[in-house]
Amino acid sequence: MGIRTGAQYIASLRDDRALYIGGERVADVPRHVPLAGILASIGAHYDAFHQPDLQADYTYPSPKDGRPVSNSFLPARTWDQVQQRLRG
């Protein structure tokens, strides 16, 4: 799977997961007001992967299909790859 947008990430949270905050089940995670700020921050992080001036620093081509994936999945075998992974 290639990189997702922030909107795709947030939409993926609309599933059957059981999230409880303060003993109460959260019915719709993306619409839960106390989570709005952190979800916006995480969404912006995902969106940064799609910015042309940042994509080279945050992603590398998937060995499976060549689509860009996050550097966090990069198998770091050299010091340069460790540094690249830390940037993503």
Foldseek 3Di string as FASTA:
>chain_A
DAQDALVVVLVVQQDPDFDDDPNHTDNRVCPPVVCVVVSVVVNVVSNQCVDPVCVVLAWFQDPVHGHTHGLCPPPDPDPVSVVSSVSD
